[in-house]
PDB file of N, CA and C in Angstrom:
ATOM      1  N   MET A   1      -6.284  -5.688 -40.184  1.00  0.00           N
ATOM      2  CA  MET A   1      -7.591  -5.199 -39.790  1.00  0.00           C
ATOM      3  C   MET A   1      -8.240  -6.198 -38.831  1.00  0.00           C
ATOM      4  N   ASP A   2      -8.988  -5.679 -37.893  1.00  0.00           N
ATOM      5  CA  ASP A   2      -9.708  -6.556 -36.980  1.00  0.00           C
ATOM      6  C   ASP A   2     -10.975  -7.074 -37.656  1.00  0.00           C
ATOM      7  N   ALA A   3     -11.676  -7.970 -36.982  1.00  0.00           N
ATOM      8  CA  ALA A   3     -12.847  -8.627 -37.574  1.00  0.00           C
ATOM      9  C   ALA A   3     -13.960  -7.638 -37.895  1.00  0.00           C
ATOM     10  N   ARG A   4     -14.192  -6.664 -37.024  1.00  0.00           N
ATOM     11  CA  ARG A   4     -15.265  -5.693 -37.265  1.00  0.00           C
ATOM     12  C   ARG A   4     -14.972  -4.855 -38.510  1.00  0.00           C
ATOM     13  N   THR A   5     -13.767  -4.337 -38.609  1.00  0.00           N
ATOM     14  CA  THR A   5     -13.393  -3.516 -39.756  1.00  0.00           C
ATOM     15  C   THR A   5     -13.429  -4.338 -41.043  1.00  0.00           C
ATOM     16  N   THR A   6     -12.958  -5.568 -40.973  1.00  0.00           N
ATOM     17  CA  THR A   6     -12.983  -6.441 -42.147  1.00  0.00           C
ATOM     18  C   THR A   6     -14.414  -6.692 -42.604  1.00  0.00           C
ATOM     19  N   GLY A   7     -15.325  -6.925 -41.673  1.00  0.00           N
ATOM     20  CA  GLY A   7     -16.729  -7.146 -42.017  1.00  0.00           C
ATOM     21  C   GLY A   7     -17.359  -5.935 -42.674  1.00  0.00           C
ATOM     22  N   ILE A   8     -17.031  -4.747 -42.172  1.00  0.00           N
ATOM     23  CA  ILE A   8     -17.588  -3.521 -42.742  1.00  0.00           C
ATOM     24  C   ILE A   8     -17.032  -3.281 -44.142  1.00  0.00           C
ATOM     25  N   VAL A   9     -15.722  -3.447 -44.313  1.00  0.00           N
ATOM     26  CA  VAL A   9     -15.079  -3.216 -45.605  1.00  0.00           C
ATOM     27  C   VAL A   9     -15.593  -4.203 -46.654  1.00  0.00           C
ATOM     28  N   ALA A  10     -15.935  -5.405 -46.246  1.00  0.00           N
ATOM     29  CA  ALA A  10     -16.407  -6.431 -47.187  1.00  0.00           C
ATOM     30  C   ALA A  10     -17.682  -5.998 -47.905  1.00  0.00           C
ATOM     31  N   TYR A  11     -18.515  -5.199 -47.254  1.00  0.00           N
ATOM     32  CA  TYR A  11     -19.771  -4.781 -47.866  1.00  0.00           C
ATOM     33  C   TYR A  11     -19.608  -3.594 -48.823  1.00  0.00           C
ATOM     34  N   ILE A  12     -18.439  -2.982 -48.842  1.00  0.00           N
ATOM     35  CA  ILE A  12     -18.239  -1.780 -49.658  1.00  0.00           C
ATOM     36  C   ILE A  12     -17.615  -2.165 -50.988  1.00  0.00           C
ATOM     37  N   THR A  13     -18.387  -2.312 -52.004  1.00  0.00           N
ATOM     38  CA  THR A  13     -18.030  -2.638 -53.389  1.00  0.00           C
ATOM     39  C   THR A  13     -17.209  -3.921 -53.509  1.00  0.00           C
ATOM     40  N   TRP A  14     -16.950  -4.322 -54.730  1.00  0.00           N
ATOM     41  CA  TRP A  14     -16.148  -5.518 -55.004  1.00  0.00           C
ATOM     42  C   TRP A  14     -14.710  -5.328 -54.531  1.00  0.00           C
ATOM     43  N   ILE A  15     -14.195  -4.117 -54.657  1.00  0.00           N
ATOM     44  CA  ILE A  15     -12.820  -3.841 -54.230  1.00  0.00           C
ATOM     45  C   ILE A  15     -12.694  -4.022 -52.723  1.00  0.00           C
ATOM     46  N   GLY A  16     -13.679  -3.543 -51.983  1.00  0.00           N
ATOM     47  CA  GLY A  16     -13.681  -3.731 -50.533  1.00  0.00           C
ATOM     48  C   GLY A  16     -13.730  -5.200 -50.162  1.00  0.00           C
ATOM     49  N   LEU A  17     -14.494  -5.974 -50.916  1.00  0.00           N
ATOM     50  CA  LEU A  17     -14.567  -7.413 -50.665  1.00  0.00           C
ATOM     51  C   LEU A  17     -13.202  -8.057 -50.897  1.00  0.00           C
ATOM     52  N   LEU A  18     -12.536  -7.674 -51.962  1.00  0.00           N
ATOM     53  CA  LEU A  18     -11.195  -8.213 -52.241  1.00  0.00           C
ATOM     54  C   LEU A  18     -10.198  -7.812 -51.157  1.00  0.00           C
ATOM     55  N   ILE A  19     -10.255  -6.571 -50.703  1.00  0.00           N
ATOM     56  CA  ILE A  19      -9.372  -6.120 -49.628  1.00  0.00           C
ATOM     57  C   ILE A  19      -9.642  -6.915 -48.355  1.00  0.00           C
ATOM     58  N   ALA A  20     -10.915  -7.157 -48.056  1.00  0.00           N
ATOM     59  CA  ALA A  20     -11.275  -7.920 -46.857  1.00  0.00           C
ATOM     60  C   ALA A  20     -10.745  -9.345 -46.935  1.00  0.00           C
ATOM     61  N   VAL A  21     -10.794  -9.938 -48.108  1.00  0.00           N
ATOM     62  CA  VAL A  21     -10.315 -11.315 -48.268  1.00  0.00           C
ATOM     63  C   VAL A  21      -8.790 -11.368 -48.185  1.00  0.00           C
ATOM     64  N   ILE A  22      -8.129 -10.402 -48.796  1.00  0.00           N
ATOM     65  CA  ILE A  22      -6.670 -10.431 -48.858  1.00  0.00           C
ATOM     66  C   ILE A  22      -6.019  -9.935 -47.565  1.00  0.00           C
ATOM     67  N   ALA A  23      -6.459  -8.792 -47.060  1.00  0.00           N
ATOM     68  CA  ALA A  23      -5.751  -8.158 -45.950  1.00  0.00           C
ATOM     69  C   ALA A  23      -6.473  -8.236 -44.611  1.00  0.00           C
ATOM     70  N   GLY A  24      -7.677  -8.720 -44.576  1.00  0.00           N
ATOM     71  CA  GLY A  24      -8.471  -8.674 -43.357  1.00  0.00           C
ATOM     72  C   GLY A  24      -8.361  -9.928 -42.504  1.00  0.00           C
ATOM     73  N   ASP A  25      -9.045  -9.896 -41.391  1.00  0.00           N
ATOM     74  CA  ASP A  25      -9.136 -11.031 -40.480  1.00  0.00           C
ATOM     75  C   ASP A  25     -10.168 -11.999 -41.048  1.00  0.00           C
ATOM     76  N   LYS A  26      -9.698 -12.946 -41.860  1.00  0.00           N
ATOM     77  CA  LYS A  26     -10.612 -13.835 -42.576  1.00  0.00           C
ATOM     78  C   LYS A  26     -11.410 -14.742 -41.642  1.00  0.00           C
ATOM     79  N   GLU A  27     -10.804 -15.222 -40.589  1.00  0.00           N
ATOM     80  CA  GLU A  27     -11.509 -16.129 -39.686  1.00  0.00           C
ATOM     81  C   GLU A  27     -12.561 -15.391 -38.870  1.00  0.00           C
ATOM     82  N   GLY A  28     -12.234 -14.214 -38.374  1.00  0.00           N
ATOM     83  CA  GLY A  28     -13.176 -13.467 -37.547  1.00  0.00           C
ATOM     84  C   GLY A  28     -14.342 -12.889 -38.329  1.00  0.00           C
ATOM     85  N   ALA A  29     -14.128 -12.582 -39.597  1.00  0.00           N
ATOM     86  CA  ALA A  29     -15.166 -11.939 -40.403  1.00  0.00           C
ATOM     87  C   ALA A  29     -15.637 -12.818 -41.548  1.00  0.00           C
ATOM     88  N   LYS A  30     -15.393 -14.115 -41.455  1.00  0.00           N
ATOM     89  CA  LYS A  30     -15.776 -15.033 -42.533  1.00  0.00           C
ATOM     90  C   LYS A  30     -17.270 -14.953 -42.839  1.00  0.00           C
ATOM     91  N   PHE A  31     -18.088 -14.823 -41.818  1.00  0.00           N
ATOM     92  CA  PHE A  31     -19.530 -14.744 -42.010  1.00  0.00           C
ATOM     93  C   PHE A  31     -19.896 -13.537 -42.872  1.00  0.00           C
ATOM     94  N   HIS A  32     -19.347 -12.372 -42.550  1.00  0.00           N
ATOM     95  CA  HIS A  32     -19.700 -11.159 -43.287  1.00  0.00           C
ATOM     96  C   HIS A  32     -19.072 -11.136 -44.682  1.00  0.00           C
ATOM     97  N   ILE A  33     -17.902 -11.716 -44.838  1.00  0.00           N
ATOM     98  CA  ILE A  33     -17.309 -11.818 -46.170  1.00  0.00           C
ATOM     99  C   ILE A  33     -18.204 -12.686 -47.055  1.00  0.00           C
ATOM    100  N   ASN A  34     -18.689 -13.795 -46.511  1.00  0.00           N
ATOM    101  CA  ASN A  34     -19.586 -14.670 -47.257  1.00  0.00           C
ATOM    102  C   ASN A  34     -20.897 -13.960 -47.597  1.00  0.00           C
ATOM    103  N   GLN A  35     -21.483 -13.269 -46.618  1.00  0.00           N
ATOM    104  CA  GLN A  35     -22.742 -12.564 -46.850  1.00  0.00           C
ATOM    105  C   GLN A  35     -22.578 -11.493 -47.932  1.00  0.00           C
ATOM    106  N   ALA A  36     -21.493 -10.750 -47.868  1.00  0.00           N
ATOM    107  CA  ALA A  36     -21.251  -9.694 -48.861  1.00  0.00           C
ATOM    108  C   ALA A  36     -21.080 -10.296 -50.252  1.00  0.00           C
ATOM    109  N   LEU A  37     -20.376 -11.414 -50.342  1.00  0.00           N
ATOM    110  CA  LEU A  37     -20.186 -12.071 -51.635  1.00  0.00           C
ATOM    111  C   LEU A  37     -21.515 -12.549 -52.208  1.00  0.00           C
ATOM    112  N   VAL A  38     -22.337 -13.157 -51.379  1.00  0.00           N
ATOM    113  CA  VAL A  38     -23.649 -13.649 -51.830  1.00  0.00           C
ATOM    114  C   VAL A  38     -24.526 -12.480 -52.280  1.00  0.00           C
ATOM    115  N   ILE A  39     -24.541 -11.401 -51.510  1.00  0.00           N
ATOM    116  CA  ILE A  39     -25.351 -10.238 -51.867  1.00  0.00           C
ATOM    117  C   ILE A  39     -24.885  -9.651 -53.195  1.00  0.00           C
ATOM    118  N   MET A  40     -23.587  -9.543 -53.380  1.00  0.00           N
ATOM    119  CA  MET A  40     -23.073  -8.963 -54.622  1.00  0.00           C
ATOM    120  C   MET A  40     -23.334  -9.865 -55.831  1.00  0.00           C
ATOM    121  N   LEU A  41     -23.202 -11.168 -55.644  1.00  0.00           N
ATOM    122  CA  LEU A  41     -23.477 -12.082 -56.759  1.00  0.00           C
ATOM    123  C   LEU A  41     -24.958 -12.077 -57.141  1.00  0.00           C
ATOM    124  N   PHE A  42     -25.834 -12.095 -56.146  1.00  0.00           N
ATOM    125  CA  PHE A  42     -27.264 -12.061 -56.438  1.00  0.00           C
ATOM    126  C   PHE A  42     -27.699 -10.695 -56.964  1.00  0.00           C
ATOM    127  N   GLY A  43     -26.912  -9.661 -56.687  1.00  0.00           N
ATOM    128  CA  GLY A  43     -27.192  -8.345 -57.241  1.00  0.00           C
ATOM    129  C   GLY A  43     -27.037  -8.307 -58.749  1.00  0.00           C
ATOM    130  N   LEU A  44     -26.261  -9.231 -59.294  1.00  0.00           N
ATOM    131  CA  LEU A  44     -26.096  -9.304 -60.744  1.00  0.00           C
ATOM    132  C   LEU A  44     -27.395  -9.684 -61.450  1.00  0.00           C
ATOM    133  N   LEU A  45     -28.312 -10.304 -60.719  1.00  0.00           N
ATOM    134  CA  LEU A  45     -29.612 -10.653 -61.301  1.00  0.00           C
ATOM    135  C   LEU A  45     -30.468  -9.419 -61.562  1.00  0.00           C
ATOM    136  N   GLY A  46     -30.012  -8.263 -61.127  1.00  0.00           N
ATOM    137  CA  GLY A  46     -30.732  -7.022 -61.368  1.00  0.00           C
ATOM    138  C   GLY A  46     -30.753  -6.631 -62.835  1.00  0.00           C
ATOM    139  N   ALA A  47     -29.963  -7.311 -63.655  1.00  0.00           N
ATOM    140  CA  ALA A  47     -29.929  -7.022 -65.090  1.00  0.00           C
ATOM    141  C   ALA A  47     -31.160  -7.567 -65.817  1.00  0.00           C
ATOM    142  N   ILE A  48     -31.946  -8.378 -65.152  1.00  0.00           N
ATOM    143  CA  ILE A  48     -33.164  -8.925 -65.759  1.00  0.00           C
ATOM    144  C   ILE A  48     -34.188  -7.792 -65.881  1.00  0.00           C
ATOM    145  N   PRO A  49     -34.756  -7.583 -67.062  1.00  0.00           N
ATOM    146  CA  PRO A  49     -35.728  -6.491 -67.236  1.00  0.00           C
ATOM    147  C   PRO A  49     -36.961  -6.656 -66.339  1.00  0.00           C
ATOM    148  N   CYS A  50     -37.495  -5.580 -65.885  1.00  0.00           N
ATOM    149  CA  CYS A  50     -38.702  -5.467 -65.058  1.00  0.00           C
ATOM    150  C   CYS A  50     -38.523  -6.064 -63.667  1.00  0.00           C
ATOM    151  N   ILE A  51     -38.386  -7.352 -63.567  1.00  0.00           N
ATOM    152  CA  ILE A  51     -38.244  -8.000 -62.266  1.00  0.00           C
ATOM    153  C   ILE A  51     -36.919  -7.610 -61.607  1.00  0.00           C
ATOM    154  N   GLY A  52     -35.925  -7.333 -62.407  1.00  0.00           N
ATOM    155  CA  GLY A  52     -34.613  -6.976 -61.891  1.00  0.00           C
ATOM    156  C   GLY A  52     -34.611  -5.721 -61.047  1.00  0.00           C
ATOM    157  N   GLN A  53     -35.464  -4.762 -61.375  1.00  0.00           N
ATOM    158  CA  GLN A  53     -35.519  -3.529 -60.601  1.00  0.00           C
ATOM    159  C   GLN A  53     -36.070  -3.781 -59.202  1.00  0.00           C
ATOM    160  N   ILE A  54     -37.078  -4.610 -59.109  1.00  0.00           N
ATOM    161  CA  ILE A  54     -37.624  -4.979 -57.800  1.00  0.00           C
ATOM    162  C   ILE A  54     -36.585  -5.780 -57.024  1.00  0.00           C
ATOM    163  N   TRP A  55     -35.886  -6.675 -57.717  1.00  0.00           N
ATOM    164  CA  TRP A  55     -34.855  -7.492 -57.093  1.00  0.00           C
ATOM    165  C   TRP A  55     -33.730  -6.603 -56.554  1.00  0.00           C
ATOM    166  N   LEU A  56     -33.349  -5.560 -57.290  1.00  0.00           N
ATOM    167  CA  LEU A  56     -32.285  -4.663 -56.832  1.00  0.00           C
ATOM    168  C   LEU A  56     -32.681  -3.917 -55.562  1.00  0.00           C
ATOM    169  N   ILE A  57     -33.946  -3.579 -55.432  1.00  0.00           N
ATOM    170  CA  ILE A  57     -34.408  -2.947 -54.195  1.00  0.00           C
ATOM    171  C   ILE A  57     -34.251  -3.916 -53.036  1.00  0.00           C
ATOM    172  N   PHE A  58     -34.638  -5.169 -53.246  1.00  0.00           N
ATOM    173  CA  PHE A  58     -34.476  -6.195 -52.211  1.00  0.00           C
ATOM    174  C   PHE A  58     -32.998  -6.383 -51.860  1.00  0.00           C
ATOM    175  N   ILE A  59     -32.132  -6.437 -52.861  1.00  0.00           N
ATOM    176  CA  ILE A  59     -30.697  -6.614 -52.622  1.00  0.00           C
ATOM    177  C   ILE A  59     -30.130  -5.421 -51.867  1.00  0.00           C
ATOM    178  N   PHE A  60     -30.597  -4.215 -52.191  1.00  0.00           N
ATOM    179  CA  PHE A  60     -30.143  -3.024 -51.475  1.00  0.00           C
ATOM    180  C   PHE A  60     -30.527  -3.090 -50.002  1.00  0.00           C
ATOM    181  N   VAL A  61     -31.745  -3.532 -49.723  1.00  0.00           N
ATOM    182  CA  VAL A  61     -32.191  -3.681 -48.328  1.00  0.00           C
ATOM    183  C   VAL A  61     -31.337  -4.737 -47.616  1.00  0.00           C
ATOM    184  N   CYS A  62     -31.044  -5.851 -48.298  1.00  0.00           N
ATOM    185  CA  CYS A  62     -30.175  -6.886 -47.715  1.00  0.00           C
ATOM    186  C   CYS A  62     -28.782  -6.332 -47.437  1.00  0.00           C
ATOM    187  N   TRP A  63     -28.279  -5.517 -48.357  1.00  0.00           N
ATOM    188  CA  TRP A  63     -26.953  -4.922 -48.187  1.00  0.00           C
ATOM    189  C   TRP A  63     -26.917  -4.016 -46.949  1.00  0.00           C
ATOM    190  N   ILE A  64     -27.959  -3.203 -46.779  1.00  0.00           N
ATOM    191  CA  ILE A  64     -28.044  -2.324 -45.609  1.00  0.00           C
ATOM    192  C   ILE A  64     -28.118  -3.156 -44.326  1.00  0.00           C
ATOM    193  N   MET A  65     -28.939  -4.201 -44.342  1.00  0.00           N
ATOM    194  CA  MET A  65     -29.070  -5.063 -43.161  1.00  0.00           C
ATOM    195  C   MET A  65     -27.740  -5.725 -42.813  1.00  0.00           C
ATOM    196  N   GLY A  66     -27.025  -6.203 -43.827  1.00  0.00           N
ATOM    197  CA  GLY A  66     -25.729  -6.832 -43.597  1.00  0.00           C
ATOM    198  C   GLY A  66     -24.706  -5.851 -43.070  1.00  0.00           C
ATOM    199  N   LEU A  67     -24.686  -4.641 -43.616  1.00  0.00           N
ATOM    200  CA  LEU A  67     -23.745  -3.619 -43.163  1.00  0.00           C
ATOM    201  C   LEU A  67     -24.017  -3.226 -41.716  1.00  0.00           C
ATOM    202  N   ILE A  68     -25.279  -3.069 -41.364  1.00  0.00           N
ATOM    203  CA  ILE A  68     -25.631  -2.734 -39.983  1.00  0.00           C
ATOM    204  C   ILE A  68     -25.236  -3.874 -39.037  1.00  0.00           C
ATOM    205  N   ALA A  69     -25.437  -5.111 -39.466  1.00  0.00           N
ATOM    206  CA  ALA A  69     -25.041  -6.256 -38.630  1.00  0.00           C
ATOM    207  C   ALA A  69     -23.521  -6.278 -38.456  1.00  0.00           C
ATOM    208  N   ALA A  70     -22.767  -5.938 -39.491  1.00  0.00           N
ATOM    209  CA  ALA A  70     -21.304  -5.902 -39.377  1.00  0.00           C
ATOM    210  C   ALA A  70     -20.862  -4.790 -38.436  1.00  0.00           C
ATOM    211  N   ILE A  71     -21.521  -3.647 -38.510  1.00  0.00           N
ATOM    212  CA  ILE A  71     -21.179  -2.537 -37.618  1.00  0.00           C
ATOM    213  C   ILE A  71     -21.451  -2.906 -36.167  1.00  0.00           C
ATOM    214  N   ASN A  72     -22.551  -3.623 -35.925  1.00  0.00           N
ATOM    215  CA  ASN A  72     -22.910  -4.039 -34.564  1.00  0.00           C
ATOM    216  C   ASN A  72     -22.240  -5.334 -34.135  1.00  0.00           C
ATOM    217  N   GLU A  73     -21.399  -5.886 -34.993  1.00  0.00           N
ATOM    218  CA  GLU A  73     -20.682  -7.142 -34.735  1.00  0.00           C
ATOM    219  C   GLU A  73     -21.629  -8.302 -34.452  1.00  0.00           C
ATOM    220  N   GLU A  74     -22.723  -8.375 -35.205  1.00  0.00           N
ATOM    221  CA  GLU A  74     -23.687  -9.463 -35.087  1.00  0.00           C
ATOM    222  C   GLU A  74     -23.582 -10.357 -36.311  1.00  0.00           C
ATOM    223  N   GLU A  75     -23.938 -11.596 -36.174  1.00  0.00           N
ATOM    224  CA  GLU A  75     -23.947 -12.529 -37.293  1.00  0.00           C
ATOM    225  C   GLU A  75     -25.378 -12.921 -37.620  1.00  0.00           C
ATOM    226  N   LYS A  76     -26.139 -11.960 -38.142  1.00  0.00           N
ATOM    227  CA  LYS A  76     -27.520 -12.200 -38.531  1.00  0.00           C
ATOM    228  C   LYS A  76     -27.579 -12.362 -40.047  1.00  0.00           C
ATOM    229  N   PRO A  77     -28.047 -13.511 -40.525  1.00  0.00           N
ATOM    230  CA  PRO A  77     -28.140 -13.682 -41.975  1.00  0.00           C
ATOM    231  C   PRO A  77     -29.246 -12.803 -42.571  1.00  0.00           C
ATOM    232  N   VAL A  78     -29.015 -12.362 -43.792  1.00  0.00           N
ATOM    233  CA  VAL A  78     -30.012 -11.545 -44.483  1.00  0.00           C
ATOM    234  C   VAL A  78     -31.154 -12.451 -44.937  1.00  0.00           C
ATOM    235  N   PRO A  79     -32.346 -11.890 -45.169  1.00  0.00           N
ATOM    236  CA  PRO A  79     -33.487 -12.716 -45.568  1.00  0.00           C
ATOM    237  C   PRO A  79     -33.301 -13.380 -46.931  1.00  0.00           C
ATOM    238  N   LEU A  80     -33.861 -14.518 -47.094  1.00  0.00           N
ATOM    239  CA  LEU A  80     -33.957 -15.265 -48.337  1.00  0.00           C
ATOM    240  C   LEU A  80     -32.626 -15.833 -48.837  1.00  0.00           C
ATOM    241  N   ILE A  81     -31.584 -15.034 -48.927  1.00  0.00           N
ATOM    242  CA  ILE A  81     -30.318 -15.504 -49.487  1.00  0.00           C
ATOM    243  C   ILE A  81     -29.244 -15.661 -48.427  1.00  0.00           C
ATOM    244  N   GLY A  82     -29.547 -15.381 -47.182  1.00  0.00           N
ATOM    245  CA  GLY A  82     -28.559 -15.414 -46.107  1.00  0.00           C
ATOM    246  C   GLY A  82     -28.065 -16.795 -45.738  1.00  0.00           C
ATOM    247  N   GLY A  83     -28.801 -17.833 -46.077  1.00  0.00           N
ATOM    248  CA  GLY A  83     -28.393 -19.182 -45.714  1.00  0.00           C
ATOM    249  C   GLY A  83     -27.405 -19.810 -46.679  1.00  0.00           C
ATOM    250  N   ILE A  84     -27.092 -19.127 -47.762  1.00  0.00           N
ATOM    251  CA  ILE A  84     -26.177 -19.668 -48.767  1.00  0.00           C
ATOM    252  C   ILE A  84     -24.735 -19.451 -48.301  1.00  0.00           C
ATOM    253  N   THR A  85     -23.959 -20.523 -48.306  1.00  0.00           N
ATOM    254  CA  THR A  85     -22.566 -20.433 -47.879  1.00  0.00           C
ATOM    255  C   THR A  85     -21.665 -20.745 -49.070  1.00  0.00           C
ATOM    256  N   LEU A  86     -20.870 -19.760 -49.463  1.00  0.00           N
ATOM    257  CA  LEU A  86     -19.919 -19.941 -50.556  1.00  0.00           C
ATOM    258  C   LEU A  86     -18.501 -20.099 -50.042  1.00  0.00           C
ATOM    259  N   ILE A  87     -18.200 -19.480 -48.914  1.00  0.00           N
ATOM    260  CA  ILE A  87     -16.866 -19.542 -48.312  1.00  0.00           C
ATOM    261  C   ILE A  87     -16.960 -20.387 -47.054  1.00  0.00           C
ATOM    262  N   LYS A  88     -16.192 -21.439 -46.992  1.00  0.00           N
ATOM    263  CA  LYS A  88     -16.244 -22.327 -45.824  1.00  0.00           C
ATOM    264  C   LYS A  88     -15.117 -22.038 -44.872  1.00  0.00           C
TER     265      LYS A  88
END
């Protein structure tokens, strides 16, 4: 897969993230793989009662922003959590 396709697939569920890491262009789409991983991990905080529902709305908006950036082949970090780097 090319970098654009890998970036898009990374945002589609955990399975898509695994496919992007295993079969995709890791160097070209490293930014989007990292962003998708951070968004998905922070999405787990949605299990917190009351505040978690508001947090899930924010995570959903971040997910949409990241997916649109991957489609447009841009490297724009998502708000608040976009500066976190897990994959070097």
